[in-house]
Amino acid sequence: PFSKDRDGFVLAEGSGALVLESLEAALARGATIL
């Protein structure tokens, strides 16, 4: 990326997951805020 000789992307696979919570609910159950 951002190099002068870039010539395209590389097809890839993967996954990402997030557990989202209201700050109020997360603090109420003592969760670690990431």
PDB file of all heavy atoms in Angstrom:
ATOM      1  N   PRO A   1       0.814  -1.215   0.000  1.00  0.00           N
ATOM      2  CA  PRO A   1       0.000   0.000   0.000  1.00  0.00           C
ATOM      3  C   PRO A   1       0.847   1.264   0.000  1.00  0.00           C
ATOM      4  O   PRO A   1       1.879   1.340   0.671  1.00  0.00           O
ATOM      5  CB  PRO A   1      -0.806  -0.124   1.302  1.00  0.00           C
ATOM      6  CG  PRO A   1      -0.842  -1.587   1.584  1.00  0.00           C
ATOM      7  CD  PRO A   1       0.477  -2.117   1.108  1.00  0.00           C
ATOM      8  N   PHE A   2       0.392   2.232  -0.771  1.00  0.00           N
ATOM      9  CA  PHE A   2       0.955   3.578  -0.841  1.00  0.00           C
ATOM     10  C   PHE A   2       2.340   3.622  -1.472  1.00  0.00           C
ATOM     11  O   PHE A   2       2.969   4.681  -1.519  1.00  0.00           O
ATOM     12  CB  PHE A   2       0.963   4.247   0.542  1.00  0.00           C
ATOM     13  CG  PHE A   2      -0.377   4.260   1.210  1.00  0.00           C
ATOM     14  CD1 PHE A   2      -0.598   3.555   2.396  1.00  0.00           C
ATOM     15  CD2 PHE A   2      -1.441   4.942   0.659  1.00  0.00           C
ATOM     16  CE1 PHE A   2      -1.854   3.557   3.006  1.00  0.00           C
ATOM     17  CE2 PHE A   2      -2.700   4.946   1.250  1.00  0.00           C
ATOM     18  CZ  PHE A   2      -2.901   4.251   2.432  1.00  0.00           C
ATOM     19  N   SER A   3       2.852   2.492  -1.956  1.00  0.00           N
ATOM     20  CA  SER A   3       4.135   2.488  -2.653  1.00  0.00           C
ATOM     21  C   SER A   3       3.938   2.851  -4.122  1.00  0.00           C
ATOM     22  O   SER A   3       2.881   2.602  -4.708  1.00  0.00           O
ATOM     23  CB  SER A   3       4.792   1.106  -2.565  1.00  0.00           C
ATOM     24  OG  SER A   3       5.188   0.823  -1.243  1.00  0.00           O
ATOM     25  N   LYS A   4       4.962   3.392  -4.713  1.00  0.00           N
ATOM     26  CA  LYS A   4       4.878   3.814  -6.111  1.00  0.00           C
ATOM     27  C   LYS A   4       4.640   2.620  -7.034  1.00  0.00           C
ATOM     28  O   LYS A   4       3.957   2.730  -8.060  1.00  0.00           O
ATOM     29  CB  LYS A   4       6.164   4.556  -6.511  1.00  0.00           C
ATOM     30  CG  LYS A   4       6.105   5.159  -7.902  1.00  0.00           C
ATOM     31  CD  LYS A   4       7.362   5.952  -8.207  1.00  0.00           C
ATOM     32  CE  LYS A   4       7.272   6.598  -9.588  1.00  0.00           C
ATOM     33  NZ  LYS A   4       8.500   7.389  -9.905  1.00  0.00           N
ATOM     34  N   ASP A   5       5.217   1.460  -6.704  1.00  0.00           N
ATOM     35  CA  ASP A   5       5.123   0.283  -7.568  1.00  0.00           C
ATOM     36  C   ASP A   5       3.995  -0.668  -7.171  1.00  0.00           C
ATOM     37  O   ASP A   5       3.995  -1.835  -7.572  1.00  0.00           O
ATOM     38  CB  ASP A   5       6.457  -0.473  -7.585  1.00  0.00           C
ATOM     39  CG  ASP A   5       6.945  -0.843  -6.190  1.00  0.00           C
ATOM     40  OD1 ASP A   5       6.423  -0.285  -5.196  1.00  0.00           O
ATOM     41  OD2 ASP A   5       7.856  -1.691  -6.089  1.00  0.00           O
ATOM     42  N   ARG A   6       3.017  -0.179  -6.410  1.00  0.00           N
ATOM     43  CA  ARG A   6       1.869  -1.028  -6.061  1.00  0.00           C
ATOM     44  C   ARG A   6       1.116  -1.417  -7.330  1.00  0.00           C
ATOM     45  O   ARG A   6       0.998  -0.619  -8.255  1.00  0.00           O
ATOM     46  CB  ARG A   6       0.941  -0.296  -5.081  1.00  0.00           C
ATOM     47  CG  ARG A   6       0.282   0.952  -5.657  1.00  0.00           C
ATOM     48  CD  ARG A   6      -0.389   1.788  -4.567  1.00  0.00           C
ATOM     49  NE  ARG A   6      -1.121   2.932  -5.122  1.00  0.00           N
ATOM     50  CZ  ARG A   6      -0.571   4.096  -5.436  1.00  0.00           C
ATOM     51  NH1 ARG A   6       0.730   4.296  -5.262  1.00  0.00           N
ATOM     52  NH2 ARG A   6      -1.320   5.073  -5.925  1.00  0.00           N
ATOM     53  N   ASP A   7       0.609  -2.644  -7.360  1.00  0.00           N
ATOM     54  CA  ASP A   7      -0.037  -3.089  -8.602  1.00  0.00           C
ATOM     55  C   ASP A   7      -1.340  -3.829  -8.351  1.00  0.00           C
ATOM     56  O   ASP A   7      -1.848  -4.511  -9.241  1.00  0.00           O
ATOM     57  CB  ASP A   7       0.915  -3.966  -9.414  1.00  0.00           C
ATOM     58  CG  ASP A   7       1.169  -5.325  -8.771  1.00  0.00           C
ATOM     59  OD1 ASP A   7       1.048  -5.439  -7.533  1.00  0.00           O
ATOM     60  OD2 ASP A   7       1.470  -6.284  -9.515  1.00  0.00           O
ATOM     61  N   GLY A   8      -1.911  -3.703  -7.153  1.00  0.00           N
ATOM     62  CA  GLY A   8      -3.194  -4.343  -6.902  1.00  0.00           C
ATOM     63  C   GLY A   8      -3.249  -4.976  -5.530  1.00  0.00           C
ATOM     64  O   GLY A   8      -2.235  -5.134  -4.848  1.00  0.00           O
ATOM     65  N   PHE A   9      -4.460  -5.369  -5.122  1.00  0.00           N
ATOM     66  CA  PHE A   9      -4.598  -5.991  -3.805  1.00  0.00           C
ATOM     67  C   PHE A   9      -4.402  -7.496  -3.890  1.00  0.00           C
ATOM     68  O   PHE A   9      -4.321  -8.083  -4.979  1.00  0.00           O
ATOM     69  CB  PHE A   9      -5.936  -5.619  -3.146  1.00  0.00           C
ATOM     70  CG  PHE A   9      -7.178  -6.278  -3.701  1.00  0.00           C
ATOM     71  CD1 PHE A   9      -7.540  -7.561  -3.305  1.00  0.00           C
ATOM     72  CD2 PHE A   9      -8.026  -5.596  -4.566  1.00  0.00           C
ATOM     73  CE1 PHE A   9      -8.707  -8.156  -3.781  1.00  0.00           C
ATOM     74  CE2 PHE A   9      -9.194  -6.171  -5.041  1.00  0.00           C
ATOM     75  CZ  PHE A   9      -9.536  -7.469  -4.652  1.00  0.00           C
ATOM     76  N   VAL A  10      -4.290  -8.125  -2.716  1.00  0.00           N
ATOM     77  CA  VAL A  10      -4.148  -9.572  -2.624  1.00  0.00           C
ATOM     78  C   VAL A  10      -5.418 -10.139  -1.998  1.00  0.00           C
ATOM     79  O   VAL A  10      -5.789  -9.763  -0.885  1.00  0.00           O
ATOM     80  CB  VAL A  10      -2.912  -9.970  -1.793  1.00  0.00           C
ATOM     81  CG1 VAL A  10      -2.843 -11.488  -1.653  1.00  0.00           C
ATOM     82  CG2 VAL A  10      -1.635  -9.432  -2.434  1.00  0.00           C
ATOM     83  N   LEU A  11      -6.081 -11.030  -2.710  1.00  0.00           N
ATOM     84  CA  LEU A  11      -7.310 -11.653  -2.230  1.00  0.00           C
ATOM     85  C   LEU A  11      -7.021 -12.469  -0.975  1.00  0.00           C
ATOM     86  O   LEU A  11      -6.047 -13.225  -0.931  1.00  0.00           O
ATOM     87  CB  LEU A  11      -7.861 -12.569  -3.329  1.00  0.00           C
ATOM     88  CG  LEU A  11      -9.237 -13.193  -3.130  1.00  0.00           C
ATOM     89  CD1 LEU A  11     -10.315 -12.122  -3.143  1.00  0.00           C
ATOM     90  CD2 LEU A  11      -9.500 -14.225  -4.234  1.00  0.00           C
ATOM     91  N   ALA A  12      -7.861 -12.301   0.050  1.00  0.00           N
ATOM     92  CA  ALA A  12      -7.586 -12.966   1.321  1.00  0.00           C
ATOM     93  C   ALA A  12      -8.877 -13.363   2.024  1.00  0.00           C
ATOM     94  O   ALA A  12      -9.977 -12.994   1.614  1.00  0.00           O
ATOM     95  CB  ALA A  12      -6.745 -12.068   2.226  1.00  0.00           C
ATOM     96  N   GLU A  13      -8.716 -14.122   3.097  1.00  0.00           N
ATOM     97  CA  GLU A  13      -9.835 -14.573   3.924  1.00  0.00           C
ATOM     98  C   GLU A  13      -9.557 -14.244   5.379  1.00  0.00           C
ATOM     99  O   GLU A  13      -8.412 -14.030   5.774  1.00  0.00           O
ATOM    100  CB  GLU A  13     -10.027 -16.090   3.765  1.00  0.00           C
ATOM    101  CG  GLU A  13     -10.403 -16.510   2.362  1.00  0.00           C
ATOM    102  CD  GLU A  13     -10.366 -18.013   2.149  1.00  0.00           C
ATOM    103  OE1 GLU A  13      -9.513 -18.682   2.773  1.00  0.00           O
ATOM    104  OE2 GLU A  13     -11.181 -18.504   1.346  1.00  0.00           O
ATOM    105  N   GLY A  14     -10.619 -14.226   6.188  1.00  0.00           N
ATOM    106  CA  GLY A  14     -10.436 -13.968   7.611  1.00  0.00           C
ATOM    107  C   GLY A  14     -11.750 -13.647   8.284  1.00  0.00           C
ATOM    108  O   GLY A  14     -12.821 -13.697   7.661  1.00  0.00           O
ATOM    109  N   SER A  15     -11.654 -13.310   9.555  1.00  0.00           N
ATOM    110  CA  SER A  15     -12.850 -12.928  10.314  1.00  0.00           C
ATOM    111  C   SER A  15     -12.456 -12.073  11.507  1.00  0.00           C
ATOM    112  O   SER A  15     -11.361 -12.190  12.048  1.00  0.00           O
ATOM    113  CB  SER A  15     -13.619 -14.171  10.801  1.00  0.00           C
ATOM    114  OG  SER A  15     -12.779 -15.009  11.587  1.00  0.00           O
ATOM    115  N   GLY A  16     -13.376 -11.204  11.880  1.00  0.00           N
ATOM    116  CA  GLY A  16     -13.227 -10.392  13.070  1.00  0.00           C
ATOM    117  C   GLY A  16     -14.565 -10.316  13.775  1.00  0.00           C
ATOM    118  O   GLY A  16     -15.616 -10.241  13.113  1.00  0.00           O
ATOM    119  N   ALA A  17     -14.563 -10.398  15.090  1.00  0.00           N
ATOM    120  CA  ALA A  17     -15.806 -10.335  15.865  1.00  0.00           C
ATOM    121  C   ALA A  17     -15.621  -9.414  17.056  1.00  0.00           C
ATOM    122  O   ALA A  17     -14.569  -9.433  17.710  1.00  0.00           O
ATOM    123  CB  ALA A  17     -16.217 -11.725  16.346  1.00  0.00           C
ATOM    124  N   LEU A  18     -16.642  -8.598  17.320  1.00  0.00           N
ATOM    125  CA  LEU A  18     -16.643  -7.725  18.489  1.00  0.00           C
ATOM    126  C   LEU A  18     -17.903  -7.966  19.297  1.00  0.00           C
ATOM    127  O   LEU A  18     -18.995  -8.060  18.741  1.00  0.00           O
ATOM    128  CB  LEU A  18     -16.614  -6.244  18.080  1.00  0.00           C
ATOM    129  CG  LEU A  18     -15.420  -5.708  17.280  1.00  0.00           C
ATOM    130  CD1 LEU A  18     -15.561  -4.199  17.104  1.00  0.00           C
ATOM    131  CD2 LEU A  18     -14.093  -6.052  17.943  1.00  0.00           C
ATOM    132  N   VAL A  19     -17.733  -8.077  20.611  1.00  0.00           N
ATOM    133  CA  VAL A  19     -18.873  -8.012  21.523  1.00  0.00           C
ATOM    134  C   VAL A  19     -19.021  -6.551  21.925  1.00  0.00           C
ATOM    135  O   VAL A  19     -18.101  -5.959  22.504  1.00  0.00           O
ATOM    136  CB  VAL A  19     -18.672  -8.891  22.768  1.00  0.00           C
ATOM    137  CG1 VAL A  19     -19.789  -8.643  23.780  1.00  0.00           C
ATOM    138  CG2 VAL A  19     -18.632 -10.370  22.373  1.00  0.00           C
ATOM    139  N   LEU A  20     -20.154  -5.969  21.573  1.00  0.00           N
ATOM    140  CA  LEU A  20     -20.456  -4.576  21.884  1.00  0.00           C
ATOM    141  C   LEU A  20     -21.468  -4.529  23.025  1.00  0.00           C
ATOM    142  O   LEU A  20     -22.427  -5.307  23.034  1.00  0.00           O
ATOM    143  CB  LEU A  20     -21.031  -3.869  20.659  1.00  0.00           C
ATOM    144  CG  LEU A  20     -20.197  -3.931  19.375  1.00  0.00           C
ATOM    145  CD1 LEU A  20     -20.983  -3.336  18.208  1.00  0.00           C
ATOM    146  CD2 LEU A  20     -18.876  -3.200  19.547  1.00  0.00           C
ATOM    147  N   GLU A  21     -21.268  -3.628  23.975  1.00  0.00           N
ATOM    148  CA  GLU A  21     -22.210  -3.464  25.086  1.00  0.00           C
ATOM    149  C   GLU A  21     -22.354  -1.987  25.414  1.00  0.00           C
ATOM    150  O   GLU A  21     -21.429  -1.192  25.202  1.00  0.00           O
ATOM    151  CB  GLU A  21     -21.713  -4.187  26.344  1.00  0.00           C
ATOM    152  CG  GLU A  21     -21.566  -5.690  26.209  1.00  0.00           C
ATOM    153  CD  GLU A  21     -21.232  -6.340  27.546  1.00  0.00           C
ATOM    154  OE1 GLU A  21     -22.034  -6.208  28.502  1.00  0.00           O
ATOM    155  OE2 GLU A  21     -20.168  -6.981  27.650  1.00  0.00           O
ATOM    156  N   SER A  22     -23.503  -1.635  25.936  1.00  0.00           N
ATOM    157  CA  SER A  22     -23.595  -0.280  26.491  1.00  0.00           C
ATOM    158  C   SER A  22     -22.596  -0.208  27.642  1.00  0.00           C
ATOM    159  O   SER A  22     -22.401  -1.179  28.378  1.00  0.00           O
ATOM    160  CB  SER A  22     -25.008   0.014  26.979  1.00  0.00           C
ATOM    161  OG  SER A  22     -25.286  -0.712  28.164  1.00  0.00           O
ATOM    162  N   LEU A  23     -21.943   0.935  27.767  1.00  0.00           N
ATOM    163  CA  LEU A  23     -20.946   1.088  28.838  1.00  0.00           C
ATOM    164  C   LEU A  23     -21.585   0.836  30.194  1.00  0.00           C
ATOM    165  O   LEU A  23     -20.977   0.210  31.081  1.00  0.00           O
ATOM    166  CB  LEU A  23     -20.339   2.495  28.777  1.00  0.00           C
ATOM    167  CG  LEU A  23     -19.262   2.809  29.811  1.00  0.00           C
ATOM    168  CD1 LEU A  23     -18.078   1.864  29.677  1.00  0.00           C
ATOM    169  CD2 LEU A  23     -18.810   4.266  29.685  1.00  0.00           C
ATOM    170  N   GLU A  24     -22.829   1.278  30.341  1.00  0.00           N
ATOM    171  CA  GLU A  24     -23.531   1.090  31.611  1.00  0.00           C
ATOM    172  C   GLU A  24     -23.684  -0.389  31.940  1.00  0.00           C
ATOM    173  O   GLU A  24     -23.388  -0.830  33.060  1.00  0.00           O
ATOM    174  CB  GLU A  24     -24.904   1.759  31.543  1.00  0.00           C
ATOM    175  CG  GLU A  24     -25.685   1.687  32.843  1.00  0.00           C
ATOM    176  CD  GLU A  24     -26.982   2.478  32.798  1.00  0.00           C
ATOM    177  OE1 GLU A  24     -27.362   2.936  31.703  1.00  0.00           O
ATOM    178  OE2 GLU A  24     -27.604   2.634  33.868  1.00  0.00           O
ATOM    179  N   ALA A  25     -24.127  -1.188  30.962  1.00  0.00           N
ATOM    180  CA  ALA A  25     -24.325  -2.618  31.204  1.00  0.00           C
ATOM    181  C   ALA A  25     -23.001  -3.320  31.441  1.00  0.00           C
ATOM    182  O   ALA A  25     -22.895  -4.213  32.300  1.00  0.00           O
ATOM    183  CB  ALA A  25     -25.057  -3.247  30.023  1.00  0.00           C
ATOM    184  N   ALA A  26     -21.970  -2.925  30.696  1.00  0.00           N
ATOM    185  CA  ALA A  26     -20.662  -3.561  30.847  1.00  0.00           C
ATOM    186  C   ALA A  26     -20.075  -3.299  32.228  1.00  0.00           C
ATOM    187  O   ALA A  26     -19.552  -4.218  32.885  1.00  0.00           O
ATOM    188  CB  ALA A  26     -19.723  -3.059  29.760  1.00  0.00           C
ATOM    189  N   LEU A  27     -20.162  -2.048  32.677  1.00  0.00           N
ATOM    190  CA  LEU A  27     -19.630  -1.716  34.006  1.00  0.00           C
ATOM    191  C   LEU A  27     -20.436  -2.394  35.104  1.00  0.00           C
ATOM    192  O   LEU A  27     -19.875  -2.842  36.114  1.00  0.00           O
ATOM    193  CB  LEU A  27     -19.635  -0.196  34.199  1.00  0.00           C
ATOM    194  CG  LEU A  27     -18.661   0.606  33.331  1.00  0.00           C
ATOM    195  CD1 LEU A  27     -18.860   2.107  33.540  1.00  0.00           C
ATOM    196  CD2 LEU A  27     -17.216   0.221  33.641  1.00  0.00           C
ATOM    197  N   ALA A  28     -21.752  -2.493  34.896  1.00  0.00           N
ATOM    198  CA  ALA A  28     -22.617  -3.095  35.911  1.00  0.00           C
ATOM    199  C   ALA A  28     -22.269  -4.558  36.157  1.00  0.00           C
ATOM    200  O   ALA A  28     -22.411  -5.057  37.289  1.00  0.00           O
ATOM    201  CB  ALA A  28     -24.080  -2.962  35.489  1.00  0.00           C
ATOM    202  N   ARG A  29     -21.804  -5.257  35.134  1.00  0.00           N
ATOM    203  CA  ARG A  29     -21.462  -6.666  35.329  1.00  0.00           C
ATOM    204  C   ARG A  29     -19.958  -6.869  35.551  1.00  0.00           C
ATOM    205  O   ARG A  29     -19.474  -7.995  35.619  1.00  0.00           O
ATOM    206  CB  ARG A  29     -21.957  -7.512  34.154  1.00  0.00           C
ATOM    207  CG  ARG A  29     -21.246  -7.320  32.849  1.00  0.00           C
ATOM    208  CD  ARG A  29     -21.798  -8.251  31.762  1.00  0.00           C
ATOM    209  NE  ARG A  29     -21.013  -8.194  30.542  1.00  0.00           N
ATOM    210  CZ  ARG A  29     -19.928  -8.942  30.286  1.00  0.00           C
ATOM    211  NH1 ARG A  29     -19.510  -9.817  31.177  1.00  0.00           N
ATOM    212  NH2 ARG A  29     -19.278  -8.815  29.153  1.00  0.00           N
ATOM    213  N   GLY A  30     -19.220  -5.774  35.654  1.00  0.00           N
ATOM    214  CA  GLY A  30     -17.797  -5.851  35.961  1.00  0.00           C
ATOM    215  C   GLY A  30     -16.924  -6.270  34.801  1.00  0.00           C
ATOM    216  O   GLY A  30     -15.833  -6.806  34.994  1.00  0.00           O
ATOM    217  N   ALA A  31     -17.385  -6.022  33.581  1.00  0.00           N
ATOM    218  CA  ALA A  31     -16.623  -6.420  32.390  1.00  0.00           C
ATOM    219  C   ALA A  31     -15.410  -5.512  32.202  1.00  0.00           C
ATOM    220  O   ALA A  31     -15.409  -4.339  32.591  1.00  0.00           O
ATOM    221  CB  ALA A  31     -17.509  -6.356  31.158  1.00  0.00           C
ATOM    222  N   THR A  32     -14.372  -6.065  31.592  1.00  0.00           N
ATOM    223  CA  THR A  32     -13.211  -5.265  31.204  1.00  0.00           C
ATOM    224  C   THR A  32     -13.533  -4.495  29.928  1.00  0.00           C
ATOM    225  O   THR A  32     -13.993  -5.078  28.943  1.00  0.00           O
ATOM    226  CB  THR A  32     -11.988  -6.171  30.954  1.00  0.00           C
ATOM    227  OG1 THR A  32     -11.683  -6.880  32.157  1.00  0.00           O
ATOM    228  CG2 THR A  32     -10.778  -5.349  30.535  1.00  0.00           C
ATOM    229  N   ILE A  33     -13.298  -3.198  29.948  1.00  0.00           N
ATOM    230  CA  ILE A  33     -13.579  -2.352  28.785  1.00  0.00           C
ATOM    231  C   ILE A  33     -12.335  -2.339  27.899  1.00  0.00           C
ATOM    232  O   ILE A  33     -11.278  -1.850  28.294  1.00  0.00           O
ATOM    233  CB  ILE A  33     -13.957  -0.914  29.213  1.00  0.00           C
ATOM    234  CG1 ILE A  33     -15.089  -0.934  30.237  1.00  0.00           C
ATOM    235  CG2 ILE A  33     -14.316  -0.088  27.987  1.00  0.00           C
ATOM    236  CD1 ILE A  33     -16.358  -1.608  29.777  1.00  0.00           C
ATOM    237  N   LEU A  34     -12.467  -2.881  26.679  1.00  0.00           N
ATOM    238  CA  LEU A  34     -11.335  -2.986  25.763  1.00  0.00           C
ATOM    239  C   LEU A  34     -11.214  -1.761  24.866  1.00  0.00           C
ATOM    240  O   LEU A  34     -10.168  -1.547  24.248  1.00  0.00           O
ATOM    241  CB  LEU A  34     -11.486  -4.230  24.887  1.00  0.00           C
ATOM    242  CG  LEU A  34     -11.675  -5.552  25.630  1.00  0.00           C
ATOM    243  CD1 LEU A  34     -11.868  -6.697  24.643  1.00  0.00           C
ATOM    244  CD2 LEU A  34     -10.494  -5.830  26.553  1.00  0.00           C
TER     245      LEU A  34
END
